[in-house]
Amino acid sequence: MKKRVIASAILVGLTATSFAHTALMNCMENADGTIGCEAGYSDGSSATGIALKVVQDGKVILERKFDQNSEASFQKPQGEYTVIFDGGDGHALSIPSRSILK
Protein backbone atom coordinates (compact mmCIF):
# COMPACT_ATOMS: atom_id res chain seq x y z
CA MET A 1 0.00 0.00 0.00
CA LYS A 2 2.81 2.41 0.91
CA LYS A 3 4.47 1.79 -2.47
CA ARG A 4 1.23 2.71 -4.26
CA VAL A 5 0.94 5.96 -2.33
CA ILE A 6 4.54 6.88 -3.15
CA ALA A 7 4.11 5.92 -6.81
CA SER A 8 0.91 7.97 -7.02
CA ALA A 9 2.60 10.99 -5.46
CA ILE A 10 5.48 10.76 -7.94
CA LEU A 11 3.06 10.43 -10.86
CA VAL A 12 1.06 13.47 -9.73
CA GLY A 13 4.28 15.46 -9.35
CA LEU A 14 5.48 14.50 -12.83
CA THR A 15 2.10 15.33 -14.34
CA ALA A 16 2.10 18.79 -12.75
CA THR A 17 5.63 19.41 -14.03
CA SER A 18 4.69 18.45 -17.58
CA PHE A 19 2.04 21.21 -17.65
CA ALA A 20 4.46 23.89 -16.42
CA HIS A 21 5.86 26.37 -18.88
CA THR A 22 8.39 29.14 -18.65
CA ALA A 23 8.12 32.60 -20.19
CA LEU A 24 10.77 33.32 -22.83
CA MET A 25 11.70 36.62 -24.51
CA ASN A 26 14.51 37.79 -26.74
CA CYS A 27 15.06 41.40 -27.83
CA MET A 28 17.41 42.68 -30.51
CA GLU A 29 18.44 46.13 -31.68
CA ASN A 30 17.70 46.61 -35.38
CA ALA A 31 19.72 48.73 -37.83
CA ASP A 32 16.79 51.18 -38.18
CA GLY A 33 16.93 52.23 -34.50
CA THR A 34 14.09 50.02 -33.35
CA ILE A 35 14.10 47.21 -30.82
CA GLY A 36 12.39 43.98 -31.86
CA CYS A 37 11.25 41.44 -29.28
CA GLU A 38 9.91 37.90 -29.63
CA ALA A 39 8.22 36.13 -26.75
CA GLY A 40 6.41 32.93 -25.91
CA TYR A 41 6.49 30.01 -23.53
CA SER A 42 8.74 26.98 -23.28
CA ASP A 43 5.82 24.68 -24.16
CA GLY A 44 5.38 26.46 -27.50
CA SER A 45 2.46 28.64 -26.39
CA SER A 46 2.11 32.01 -28.08
CA ALA A 47 2.50 35.42 -26.45
CA THR A 48 -0.09 36.95 -28.79
CA GLY A 49 -1.96 39.75 -27.04
CA ILE A 50 0.34 39.82 -24.00
CA ALA A 51 1.67 43.24 -22.99
CA LEU A 52 5.27 44.31 -23.49
CA LYS A 53 6.25 47.29 -21.36
CA VAL A 54 9.27 49.55 -21.53
CA VAL A 55 10.21 51.08 -18.18
CA GLN A 56 12.66 53.93 -17.65
CA ASP A 57 13.41 55.56 -14.29
CA GLY A 58 10.59 53.53 -12.71
CA LYS A 59 7.93 54.76 -15.15
CA VAL A 60 6.24 52.88 -17.99
CA ILE A 61 7.16 54.92 -21.07
CA LEU A 62 5.73 52.58 -23.67
CA GLU A 63 3.35 49.64 -23.85
CA ARG A 64 2.65 47.34 -26.79
CA LYS A 65 0.95 43.99 -27.23
CA PHE A 66 2.69 41.08 -28.92
CA ASP A 67 1.19 40.47 -32.37
CA GLN A 68 -0.07 37.21 -33.92
CA ASN A 69 3.57 36.17 -34.45
CA SER A 70 4.41 36.86 -30.77
CA GLU A 71 6.53 39.84 -31.88
CA ALA A 72 6.58 43.50 -30.83
CA SER A 73 8.83 46.38 -31.78
CA PHE A 74 9.38 49.94 -30.63
CA GLN A 75 11.67 52.91 -31.20
CA LYS A 76 14.79 52.60 -29.03
CA PRO A 77 14.58 55.05 -26.09
CA GLN A 78 17.52 57.26 -25.12
CA GLY A 79 19.40 56.11 -22.00
CA GLU A 80 18.90 53.03 -19.84
CA TYR A 81 15.57 51.19 -19.87
CA THR A 82 14.08 47.76 -19.19
CA VAL A 83 11.79 45.68 -21.39
CA ILE A 84 9.20 43.67 -19.45
CA PHE A 85 7.11 40.69 -20.56
CA ASP A 86 4.47 39.82 -17.95
CA GLY A 87 2.72 36.60 -18.85
CA GLY A 88 0.95 36.48 -15.47
CA ASP A 89 1.10 33.95 -12.63
CA GLY A 90 4.86 34.08 -12.14
CA HIS A 91 5.64 34.21 -15.85
CA ALA A 92 7.22 37.66 -15.89
CA LEU A 93 10.70 38.51 -17.04
CA SER A 94 12.66 41.60 -17.88
CA ILE A 95 15.63 42.49 -20.03
CA PRO A 96 17.73 45.55 -19.17
CA SER A 97 18.79 47.63 -22.19
CA ARG A 98 22.46 46.73 -21.67
CA SER A 99 21.57 43.05 -22.27
CA ILE A 100 19.70 43.60 -25.55
CA LEU A 101 21.49 42.01 -28.49
CA LYS A 102 23.06 44.42 -30.97
PDB file of N, CA and C in Angstrom:
ATOM      1  N   MET A   1       0.820  -1.192   0.000  1.00  0.00           N
ATOM      2  CA  MET A   1       0.000   0.000   0.000  1.00  0.00           C
ATOM      3  C   MET A   1       0.869   1.263   0.000  1.00  0.00           C
ATOM      4  N   LYS A   2       1.927   1.250   0.818  1.00  0.00           N
ATOM      5  CA  LYS A   2       2.806   2.407   0.913  1.00  0.00           C
ATOM      6  C   LYS A   2       3.478   2.693  -0.432  1.00  0.00           C
ATOM      7  N   LYS A   3       3.845   1.624  -1.161  1.00  0.00           N
ATOM      8  CA  LYS A   3       4.472   1.791  -2.472  1.00  0.00           C
ATOM      9  C   LYS A   3       3.505   2.456  -3.449  1.00  0.00           C
ATOM     10  N   ARG A   4       2.233   2.108  -3.380  1.00  0.00           N
ATOM     11  CA  ARG A   4       1.227   2.711  -4.265  1.00  0.00           C
ATOM     12  C   ARG A   4       1.071   4.201  -3.977  1.00  0.00           C
ATOM     13  N   VAL A   5       1.064   4.557  -2.712  1.00  0.00           N
ATOM     14  CA  VAL A   5       0.937   5.962  -2.333  1.00  0.00           C
ATOM     15  C   VAL A   5       2.138   6.749  -2.851  1.00  0.00           C
ATOM     16  N   ILE A   6       3.323   6.212  -2.671  1.00  0.00           N
ATOM     17  CA  ILE A   6       4.538   6.885  -3.147  1.00  0.00           C
ATOM     18  C   ILE A   6       4.526   6.985  -4.668  1.00  0.00           C
ATOM     19  N   ALA A   7       4.167   5.911  -5.345  1.00  0.00           N
ATOM     20  CA  ALA A   7       4.107   5.921  -6.808  1.00  0.00           C
ATOM     21  C   ALA A   7       3.080   6.935  -7.299  1.00  0.00           C
ATOM     22  N   SER A   8       1.942   7.005  -6.638  1.00  0.00           N
ATOM     23  CA  SER A   8       0.905   7.973  -7.020  1.00  0.00           C
ATOM     24  C   SER A   8       1.395   9.401  -6.823  1.00  0.00           C
ATOM     25  N   ALA A   9       2.079   9.654  -5.727  1.00  0.00           N
ATOM     26  CA  ALA A   9       2.605  10.993  -5.457  1.00  0.00           C
ATOM     27  C   ALA A   9       3.624  11.399  -6.516  1.00  0.00           C
ATOM     28  N   ILE A  10       4.482  10.480  -6.896  1.00  0.00           N
ATOM     29  CA  ILE A  10       5.475  10.760  -7.939  1.00  0.00           C
ATOM     30  C   ILE A  10       4.782  11.041  -9.261  1.00  0.00           C
ATOM     31  N   LEU A  11       3.789  10.250  -9.605  1.00  0.00           N
ATOM     32  CA  LEU A  11       3.056  10.432 -10.856  1.00  0.00           C
ATOM     33  C   LEU A  11       2.356  11.784 -10.893  1.00  0.00           C
ATOM     34  N   VAL A  12       1.720  12.169  -9.803  1.00  0.00           N
ATOM     35  CA  VAL A  12       1.056  13.475  -9.734  1.00  0.00           C
ATOM     36  C   VAL A  12       2.084  14.588  -9.888  1.00  0.00           C
ATOM     37  N   GLY A  13       3.228  14.464  -9.238  1.00  0.00           N
ATOM     38  CA  GLY A  13       4.280  15.463  -9.354  1.00  0.00           C
ATOM     39  C   GLY A  13       4.803  15.588 -10.770  1.00  0.00           C
ATOM     40  N   LEU A  14       5.007  14.474 -11.442  1.00  0.00           N
ATOM     41  CA  LEU A  14       5.481  14.502 -12.828  1.00  0.00           C
ATOM     42  C   LEU A  14       4.438  15.095 -13.753  1.00  0.00           C
ATOM     43  N   THR A  15       3.172  14.791 -13.519  1.00  0.00           N
ATOM     44  CA  THR A  15       2.099  15.334 -14.345  1.00  0.00           C
ATOM     45  C   THR A  15       2.040  16.846 -14.198  1.00  0.00           C
ATOM     46  N   ALA A  16       2.133  17.343 -12.984  1.00  0.00           N
ATOM     47  CA  ALA A  16       2.102  18.788 -12.752  1.00  0.00           C
ATOM     48  C   ALA A  16       3.279  19.466 -13.435  1.00  0.00           C
ATOM     49  N   THR A  17       4.445  18.851 -13.391  1.00  0.00           N
ATOM     50  CA  THR A  17       5.629  19.412 -14.031  1.00  0.00           C
ATOM     51  C   THR A  17       5.476  19.463 -15.540  1.00  0.00           C
ATOM     52  N   SER A  18       4.824  18.481 -16.124  1.00  0.00           N
ATOM     53  CA  SER A  18       4.685  18.453 -17.577  1.00  0.00           C
ATOM     54  C   SER A  18       3.787  19.568 -18.089  1.00  0.00           C
ATOM     55  N   PHE A  19       2.911  20.120 -17.234  1.00  0.00           N
ATOM     56  CA  PHE A  19       2.041  21.212 -17.648  1.00  0.00           C
ATOM     57  C   PHE A  19       2.670  22.579 -17.401  1.00  0.00           C
ATOM     58  N   ALA A  20       3.798  22.622 -16.712  1.00  0.00           N
ATOM     59  CA  ALA A  20       4.464  23.886 -16.417  1.00  0.00           C
ATOM     60  C   ALA A  20       5.115  24.433 -17.677  1.00  0.00           C
ATOM     61  N   HIS A  21       5.140  25.753 -17.779  1.00  0.00           N
ATOM     62  CA  HIS A  21       5.857  26.372 -18.883  1.00  0.00           C
ATOM     63  C   HIS A  21       6.513  27.648 -18.383  1.00  0.00           C
ATOM     64  N   THR A  22       7.585  27.993 -19.038  1.00  0.00           N
ATOM     65  CA  THR A  22       8.390  29.140 -18.652  1.00  0.00           C
ATOM     66  C   THR A  22       8.255  30.226 -19.699  1.00  0.00           C
ATOM     67  N   ALA A  23       8.163  31.472 -19.260  1.00  0.00           N
ATOM     68  CA  ALA A  23       8.123  32.600 -20.186  1.00  0.00           C
ATOM     69  C   ALA A  23       9.507  32.790 -20.800  1.00  0.00           C
ATOM     70  N   LEU A  24       9.529  33.097 -22.092  1.00  0.00           N
ATOM     71  CA  LEU A  24      10.774  33.323 -22.826  1.00  0.00           C
ATOM     72  C   LEU A  24      10.646  34.620 -23.619  1.00  0.00           C
ATOM     73  N   MET A  25      11.705  35.409 -23.689  1.00  0.00           N
ATOM     74  CA  MET A  25      11.698  36.616 -24.511  1.00  0.00           C
ATOM     75  C   MET A  25      13.121  36.912 -24.956  1.00  0.00           C
ATOM     76  N   ASN A  26      13.235  37.372 -26.186  1.00  0.00           N
ATOM     77  CA  ASN A  26      14.508  37.788 -26.739  1.00  0.00           C
ATOM     78  C   ASN A  26      14.288  39.128 -27.430  1.00  0.00           C
ATOM     79  N   CYS A  27      15.161  40.087 -27.185  1.00  0.00           N
ATOM     80  CA  CYS A  27      15.065  41.397 -27.829  1.00  0.00           C
ATOM     81  C   CYS A  27      16.372  41.696 -28.544  1.00  0.00           C
ATOM     82  N   MET A  28      16.247  42.380 -29.688  1.00  0.00           N
ATOM     83  CA  MET A  28      17.412  42.680 -30.513  1.00  0.00           C
ATOM     84  C   MET A  28      17.290  44.097 -31.069  1.00  0.00           C
ATOM     85  N   GLU A  29      18.412  44.804 -31.081  1.00  0.00           N
ATOM     86  CA  GLU A  29      18.443  46.133 -31.675  1.00  0.00           C
ATOM     87  C   GLU A  29      18.571  45.989 -33.189  1.00  0.00           C
ATOM     88  N   ASN A  30      17.693  46.660 -33.919  1.00  0.00           N
ATOM     89  CA  ASN A  30      17.704  46.610 -35.380  1.00  0.00           C
ATOM     90  C   ASN A  30      18.484  47.797 -35.946  1.00  0.00           C
ATOM     91  N   ALA A  31      18.923  47.681 -37.181  1.00  0.00           N
ATOM     92  CA  ALA A  31      19.715  48.726 -37.835  1.00  0.00           C
ATOM     93  C   ALA A  31      18.944  50.039 -37.990  1.00  0.00           C
ATOM     94  N   ASP A  32      17.604  49.977 -37.986  1.00  0.00           N
ATOM     95  CA  ASP A  32      16.786  51.180 -38.177  1.00  0.00           C
ATOM     96  C   ASP A  32      16.487  51.932 -36.876  1.00  0.00           C
ATOM     97  N   GLY A  33      17.136  51.543 -35.773  1.00  0.00           N
ATOM     98  CA  GLY A  33      16.934  52.232 -34.505  1.00  0.00           C
ATOM     99  C   GLY A  33      15.752  51.727 -33.697  1.00  0.00           C
ATOM    100  N   THR A  34      15.179  50.614 -34.118  1.00  0.00           N
ATOM    101  CA  THR A  34      14.090  50.016 -33.352  1.00  0.00           C
ATOM    102  C   THR A  34      14.609  48.818 -32.566  1.00  0.00           C
ATOM    103  N   ILE A  35      13.831  48.419 -31.586  1.00  0.00           N
ATOM    104  CA  ILE A  35      14.100  47.208 -30.816  1.00  0.00           C
ATOM    105  C   ILE A  35      12.991  46.226 -31.163  1.00  0.00           C
ATOM    106  N   GLY A  36      13.367  45.030 -31.560  1.00  0.00           N
ATOM    107  CA  GLY A  36      12.390  43.985 -31.862  1.00  0.00           C
ATOM    108  C   GLY A  36      12.464  42.892 -30.811  1.00  0.00           C
ATOM    109  N   CYS A  37      11.304  42.480 -30.313  1.00  0.00           N
ATOM    110  CA  CYS A  37      11.248  41.437 -29.280  1.00  0.00           C
ATOM    111  C   CYS A  37      10.333  40.311 -29.731  1.00  0.00           C
ATOM    112  N   GLU A  38      10.723  39.101 -29.408  1.00  0.00           N
ATOM    113  CA  GLU A  38       9.911  37.905 -29.627  1.00  0.00           C
ATOM    114  C   GLU A  38       9.701  37.262 -28.267  1.00  0.00           C
ATOM    115  N   ALA A  39       8.501  36.750 -28.038  1.00  0.00           N
ATOM    116  CA  ALA A  39       8.216  36.131 -26.745  1.00  0.00           C
ATOM    117  C   ALA A  39       7.321  34.918 -26.928  1.00  0.00           C
ATOM    118  N   GLY A  40       7.261  34.111 -25.914  1.00  0.00           N
ATOM    119  CA  GLY A  40       6.413  32.928 -25.909  1.00  0.00           C
ATOM    120  C   GLY A  40       6.688  32.139 -24.648  1.00  0.00           C
ATOM    121  N   TYR A  41       6.319  30.885 -24.683  1.00  0.00           N
ATOM    122  CA  TYR A  41       6.490  30.011 -23.531  1.00  0.00           C
ATOM    123  C   TYR A  41       7.231  28.755 -23.953  1.00  0.00           C
ATOM    124  N   SER A  42       7.904  28.145 -23.001  1.00  0.00           N
ATOM    125  CA  SER A  42       8.738  26.981 -23.283  1.00  0.00           C
ATOM    126  C   SER A  42       7.953  25.797 -23.828  1.00  0.00           C
ATOM    127  N   ASP A  43       6.638  25.771 -23.618  1.00  0.00           N
ATOM    128  CA  ASP A  43       5.823  24.680 -24.156  1.00  0.00           C
ATOM    129  C   ASP A  43       5.319  24.980 -25.565  1.00  0.00           C
ATOM    130  N   GLY A  44       5.779  26.097 -26.152  1.00  0.00           N
ATOM    131  CA  GLY A  44       5.383  26.464 -27.500  1.00  0.00           C
ATOM    132  C   GLY A  44       4.186  27.392 -27.563  1.00  0.00           C
ATOM    133  N   SER A  45       3.608  27.739 -26.416  1.00  0.00           N
ATOM    134  CA  SER A  45       2.457  28.637 -26.390  1.00  0.00           C
ATOM    135  C   SER A  45       2.853  30.024 -26.881  1.00  0.00           C
ATOM    136  N   SER A  46       1.916  30.682 -27.517  1.00  0.00           N
ATOM    137  CA  SER A  46       2.112  32.005 -28.080  1.00  0.00           C
ATOM    138  C   SER A  46       2.010  33.099 -27.020  1.00  0.00           C
ATOM    139  N   ALA A  47       2.632  34.240 -27.298  1.00  0.00           N
ATOM    140  CA  ALA A  47       2.504  35.423 -26.445  1.00  0.00           C
ATOM    141  C   ALA A  47       1.566  36.445 -27.083  1.00  0.00           C
ATOM    142  N   THR A  48       0.826  36.047 -28.098  1.00  0.00           N
ATOM    143  CA  THR A  48      -0.093  36.945 -28.791  1.00  0.00           C
ATOM    144  C   THR A  48      -1.023  37.640 -27.798  1.00  0.00           C
ATOM    145  N   GLY A  49      -1.077  38.970 -27.890  1.00  0.00           N
ATOM    146  CA  GLY A  49      -1.962  39.753 -27.037  1.00  0.00           C
ATOM    147  C   GLY A  49      -1.424  40.085 -25.660  1.00  0.00           C
ATOM    148  N   ILE A  50      -0.268  39.538 -25.301  1.00  0.00           N
ATOM    149  CA  ILE A  50       0.338  39.820 -23.996  1.00  0.00           C
ATOM    150  C   ILE A  50       1.080  41.161 -24.082  1.00  0.00           C
ATOM    151  N   ALA A  51       1.047  41.920 -23.007  1.00  0.00           N
ATOM    152  CA  ALA A  51       1.674  43.240 -22.993  1.00  0.00           C
ATOM    153  C   ALA A  51       3.192  43.167 -22.869  1.00  0.00           C
ATOM    154  N   LEU A  52       3.838  44.039 -23.613  1.00  0.00           N
ATOM    155  CA  LEU A  52       5.267  44.311 -23.486  1.00  0.00           C
ATOM    156  C   LEU A  52       5.350  45.739 -22.973  1.00  0.00           C
ATOM    157  N   LYS A  53       6.103  45.953 -21.918  1.00  0.00           N
ATOM    158  CA  LYS A  53       6.254  47.295 -21.355  1.00  0.00           C
ATOM    159  C   LYS A  53       7.716  47.699 -21.387  1.00  0.00           C
ATOM    160  N   VAL A  54       7.935  48.987 -21.615  1.00  0.00           N
ATOM    161  CA  VAL A  54       9.274  49.552 -21.532  1.00  0.00           C
ATOM    162  C   VAL A  54       9.257  50.527 -20.355  1.00  0.00           C
ATOM    163  N   VAL A  55      10.156  50.286 -19.407  1.00  0.00           N
ATOM    164  CA  VAL A  55      10.212  51.084 -18.183  1.00  0.00           C
ATOM    165  C   VAL A  55      11.540  51.824 -18.131  1.00  0.00           C
ATOM    166  N   GLN A  56      11.455  53.102 -17.789  1.00  0.00           N
ATOM    167  CA  GLN A  56      12.656  53.930 -17.655  1.00  0.00           C
ATOM    168  C   GLN A  56      12.486  54.794 -16.407  1.00  0.00           C
ATOM    169  N   ASP A  57      13.461  54.793 -15.540  1.00  0.00           N
ATOM    170  CA  ASP A  57      13.407  55.557 -14.285  1.00  0.00           C
ATOM    171  C   ASP A  57      12.145  55.239 -13.486  1.00  0.00           C
ATOM    172  N   GLY A  58      11.740  53.969 -13.489  1.00  0.00           N
ATOM    173  CA  GLY A  58      10.593  53.529 -12.709  1.00  0.00           C
ATOM    174  C   GLY A  58       9.234  53.833 -13.307  1.00  0.00           C
ATOM    175  N   LYS A  59       9.197  54.404 -14.508  1.00  0.00           N
ATOM    176  CA  LYS A  59       7.928  54.757 -15.148  1.00  0.00           C
ATOM    177  C   LYS A  59       7.763  53.988 -16.449  1.00  0.00           C
ATOM    178  N   VAL A  60       6.535  53.533 -16.717  1.00  0.00           N
ATOM    179  CA  VAL A  60       6.238  52.878 -17.992  1.00  0.00           C
ATOM    180  C   VAL A  60       6.200  53.972 -19.053  1.00  0.00           C
ATOM    181  N   ILE A  61       7.118  53.899 -20.017  1.00  0.00           N
ATOM    182  CA  ILE A  61       7.165  54.921 -21.068  1.00  0.00           C
ATOM    183  C   ILE A  61       6.542  54.434 -22.366  1.00  0.00           C
ATOM    184  N   LEU A  62       6.293  53.136 -22.443  1.00  0.00           N
ATOM    185  CA  LEU A  62       5.728  52.578 -23.667  1.00  0.00           C
ATOM    186  C   LEU A  62       5.092  51.236 -23.352  1.00  0.00           C
ATOM    187  N   GLU A  63       3.978  50.953 -24.000  1.00  0.00           N
ATOM    188  CA  GLU A  63       3.345  49.643 -23.852  1.00  0.00           C
ATOM    189  C   GLU A  63       2.815  49.201 -25.211  1.00  0.00           C
ATOM    190  N   ARG A  64       3.104  47.969 -25.546  1.00  0.00           N
ATOM    191  CA  ARG A  64       2.646  47.343 -26.787  1.00  0.00           C
ATOM    192  C   ARG A  64       2.096  45.970 -26.439  1.00  0.00           C
ATOM    193  N   LYS A  65       1.383  45.379 -27.383  1.00  0.00           N
ATOM    194  CA  LYS A  65       0.955  43.987 -27.234  1.00  0.00           C
ATOM    195  C   LYS A  65       1.674  43.171 -28.303  1.00  0.00           C
ATOM    196  N   PHE A  66       2.065  41.951 -27.941  1.00  0.00           N
ATOM    197  CA  PHE A  66       2.694  41.076 -28.919  1.00  0.00           C
ATOM    198  C   PHE A  66       1.668  40.720 -29.986  1.00  0.00           C
ATOM    199  N   ASP A  67       2.095  40.740 -31.245  1.00  0.00           N
ATOM    200  CA  ASP A  67       1.189  40.472 -32.365  1.00  0.00           C
ATOM    201  C   ASP A  67       0.949  38.976 -32.559  1.00  0.00           C
ATOM    202  N   GLN A  68       0.283  38.617 -33.646  1.00  0.00           N
ATOM    203  CA  GLN A  68      -0.067  37.212 -33.917  1.00  0.00           C
ATOM    204  C   GLN A  68       1.154  36.320 -34.105  1.00  0.00           C
ATOM    205  N   ASN A  69       2.316  36.924 -34.335  1.00  0.00           N
ATOM    206  CA  ASN A  69       3.566  36.165 -34.446  1.00  0.00           C
ATOM    207  C   ASN A  69       4.372  36.210 -33.148  1.00  0.00           C
ATOM    208  N   SER A  70       3.752  36.702 -32.079  1.00  0.00           N
ATOM    209  CA  SER A  70       4.412  36.865 -30.774  1.00  0.00           C
ATOM    210  C   SER A  70       5.609  37.804 -30.868  1.00  0.00           C
ATOM    211  N   GLU A  71       5.477  38.849 -31.688  1.00  0.00           N
ATOM    212  CA  GLU A  71       6.533  39.837 -31.878  1.00  0.00           C
ATOM    213  C   GLU A  71       6.012  41.229 -31.542  1.00  0.00           C
ATOM    214  N   ALA A  72       6.902  42.092 -31.089  1.00  0.00           N
ATOM    215  CA  ALA A  72       6.583  43.498 -30.833  1.00  0.00           C
ATOM    216  C   ALA A  72       7.845  44.308 -31.077  1.00  0.00           C
ATOM    217  N   SER A  73       7.668  45.526 -31.573  1.00  0.00           N
ATOM    218  CA  SER A  73       8.834  46.382 -31.785  1.00  0.00           C
ATOM    219  C   SER A  73       8.502  47.802 -31.342  1.00  0.00           C
ATOM    220  N   PHE A  74       9.550  48.561 -31.081  1.00  0.00           N
ATOM    221  CA  PHE A  74       9.381  49.939 -30.634  1.00  0.00           C
ATOM    222  C   PHE A  74      10.656  50.713 -30.935  1.00  0.00           C
ATOM    223  N   GLN A  75      10.525  52.043 -30.992  1.00  0.00           N
ATOM    224  CA  GLN A  75      11.675  52.909 -31.203  1.00  0.00           C
ATOM    225  C   GLN A  75      12.558  52.855 -29.960  1.00  0.00           C
ATOM    226  N   LYS A  76      13.851  52.699 -30.155  1.00  0.00           N
ATOM    227  CA  LYS A  76      14.792  52.604 -29.031  1.00  0.00           C
ATOM    228  C   LYS A  76      14.802  53.914 -28.239  1.00  0.00           C
ATOM    229  N   PRO A  77      14.528  53.842 -26.927  1.00  0.00           N
ATOM    230  CA  PRO A  77      14.584  55.050 -26.092  1.00  0.00           C
ATOM    231  C   PRO A  77      16.031  55.494 -25.854  1.00  0.00           C
ATOM    232  N   GLN A  78      16.211  56.751 -25.519  1.00  0.00           N
ATOM    233  CA  GLN A  78      17.522  57.260 -25.118  1.00  0.00           C
ATOM    234  C   GLN A  78      17.796  56.809 -23.688  1.00  0.00           C
ATOM    235  N   GLY A  79      19.024  56.474 -23.364  1.00  0.00           N
ATOM    236  CA  GLY A  79      19.401  56.110 -22.002  1.00  0.00           C
ATOM    237  C   GLY A  79      19.062  54.673 -21.646  1.00  0.00           C
ATOM    238  N   GLU A  80      19.160  54.381 -20.356  1.00  0.00           N
ATOM    239  CA  GLU A  80      18.900  53.030 -19.843  1.00  0.00           C
ATOM    240  C   GLU A  80      17.397  52.792 -19.703  1.00  0.00           C
ATOM    241  N   TYR A  81      16.972  51.577 -19.988  1.00  0.00           N
ATOM    242  CA  TYR A  81      15.566  51.191 -19.874  1.00  0.00           C
ATOM    243  C   TYR A  81      15.496  49.686 -19.682  1.00  0.00           C
ATOM    244  N   THR A  82      14.311  49.192 -19.372  1.00  0.00           N
ATOM    245  CA  THR A  82      14.083  47.763 -19.185  1.00  0.00           C
ATOM    246  C   THR A  82      12.844  47.357 -19.963  1.00  0.00           C
ATOM    247  N   VAL A  83      12.932  46.237 -20.665  1.00  0.00           N
ATOM    248  CA  VAL A  83      11.790  45.679 -21.395  1.00  0.00           C
ATOM    249  C   VAL A  83      11.194  44.576 -20.528  1.00  0.00           C
ATOM    250  N   ILE A  84       9.878  44.628 -20.327  1.00  0.00           N
ATOM    251  CA  ILE A  84       9.202  43.671 -19.447  1.00  0.00           C
ATOM    252  C   ILE A  84       8.127  42.906 -20.208  1.00  0.00           C
ATOM    253  N   PHE A  85       8.150  41.594 -20.048  1.00  0.00           N
ATOM    254  CA  PHE A  85       7.112  40.688 -20.556  1.00  0.00           C
ATOM    255  C   PHE A  85       6.458  40.070 -19.330  1.00  0.00           C
ATOM    256  N   ASP A  86       5.175  40.357 -19.119  1.00  0.00           N
ATOM    257  CA  ASP A  86       4.470  39.822 -17.953  1.00  0.00           C
ATOM    258  C   ASP A  86       3.367  38.898 -18.423  1.00  0.00           C
ATOM    259  N   GLY A  87       3.680  37.615 -18.422  1.00  0.00           N
ATOM    260  CA  GLY A  87       2.723  36.603 -18.851  1.00  0.00           C
ATOM    261  C   GLY A  87       1.783  36.160 -17.748  1.00  0.00           C
ATOM    262  N   GLY A  88       1.838  36.803 -16.580  1.00  0.00           N
ATOM    263  CA  GLY A  88       0.945  36.475 -15.473  1.00  0.00           C
ATOM    264  C   GLY A  88       1.397  35.261 -14.689  1.00  0.00           C
ATOM    265  N   ASP A  89       0.851  35.106 -13.498  1.00  0.00           N
ATOM    266  CA  ASP A  89       1.100  33.950 -12.626  1.00  0.00           C
ATOM    267  C   ASP A  89       2.563  33.511 -12.577  1.00  0.00           C
ATOM    268  N   GLY A  90       3.451  34.432 -12.277  1.00  0.00           N
ATOM    269  CA  GLY A  90       4.864  34.083 -12.137  1.00  0.00           C
ATOM    270  C   GLY A  90       5.606  33.921 -13.448  1.00  0.00           C
ATOM    271  N   HIS A  91       5.007  34.339 -14.544  1.00  0.00           N
ATOM    272  CA  HIS A  91       5.641  34.209 -15.854  1.00  0.00           C
ATOM    273  C   HIS A  91       6.124  35.564 -16.365  1.00  0.00           C
ATOM    274  N   ALA A  92       6.701  36.357 -15.489  1.00  0.00           N
ATOM    275  CA  ALA A  92       7.218  37.661 -15.887  1.00  0.00           C
ATOM    276  C   ALA A  92       8.734  37.597 -16.003  1.00  0.00           C
ATOM    277  N   LEU A  93       9.250  38.371 -16.934  1.00  0.00           N
ATOM    278  CA  LEU A  93      10.696  38.506 -17.040  1.00  0.00           C
ATOM    279  C   LEU A  93      11.020  39.858 -17.615  1.00  0.00           C
ATOM    280  N   SER A  94      12.237  40.295 -17.392  1.00  0.00           N
ATOM    281  CA  SER A  94      12.657  41.601 -17.879  1.00  0.00           C
ATOM    282  C   SER A  94      14.062  41.517 -18.453  1.00  0.00           C
ATOM    283  N   ILE A  95      14.315  42.408 -19.401  1.00  0.00           N
ATOM    284  CA  ILE A  95      15.635  42.488 -20.026  1.00  0.00           C
ATOM    285  C   ILE A  95      16.100  43.940 -19.937  1.00  0.00           C
ATOM    286  N   PRO A  96      17.191  44.192 -19.212  1.00  0.00           N
ATOM    287  CA  PRO A  96      17.730  45.554 -19.175  1.00  0.00           C
ATOM    288  C   PRO A  96      18.340  45.909 -20.532  1.00  0.00           C
ATOM    289  N   SER A  97      18.316  47.192 -20.873  1.00  0.00           N
ATOM    290  CA  SER A  97      18.793  47.626 -22.191  1.00  0.00           C
ATOM    291  C   SER A  97      20.227  47.189 -22.464  1.00  0.00           C
ATOM    292  N   ARG A  98      21.063  47.132 -21.456  1.00  0.00           N
ATOM    293  CA  ARG A  98      22.465  46.734 -21.671  1.00  0.00           C
ATOM    294  C   ARG A  98      22.590  45.276 -22.105  1.00  0.00           C
ATOM    295  N   SER A  99      21.534  44.474 -21.901  1.00  0.00           N
ATOM    296  CA  SER A  99      21.570  43.052 -22.271  1.00  0.00           C
ATOM    297  C   SER A  99      20.890  42.763 -23.605  1.00  0.00           C
ATOM    298  N   ILE A 100      20.367  43.801 -24.256  1.00  0.00           N
ATOM    299  CA  ILE A 100      19.704  43.604 -25.546  1.00  0.00           C
ATOM    300  C   ILE A 100      20.761  43.379 -26.621  1.00  0.00           C
ATOM    301  N   LEU A 101      20.543  42.367 -27.436  1.00  0.00           N
ATOM    302  CA  LEU A 101      21.493  42.014 -28.494  1.00  0.00           C
ATOM    303  C   LEU A 101      21.606  43.131 -29.514  1.00  0.00           C
ATOM    304  N   LYS A 102      22.830  43.369 -29.967  1.00  0.00           N
ATOM    305  CA  LYS A 102      23.064  44.420 -30.971  1.00  0.00           C
ATOM    306  C   LYS A 102      23.501  43.811 -32.265  1.00  0.00           C
TER     307      LYS A 102
END
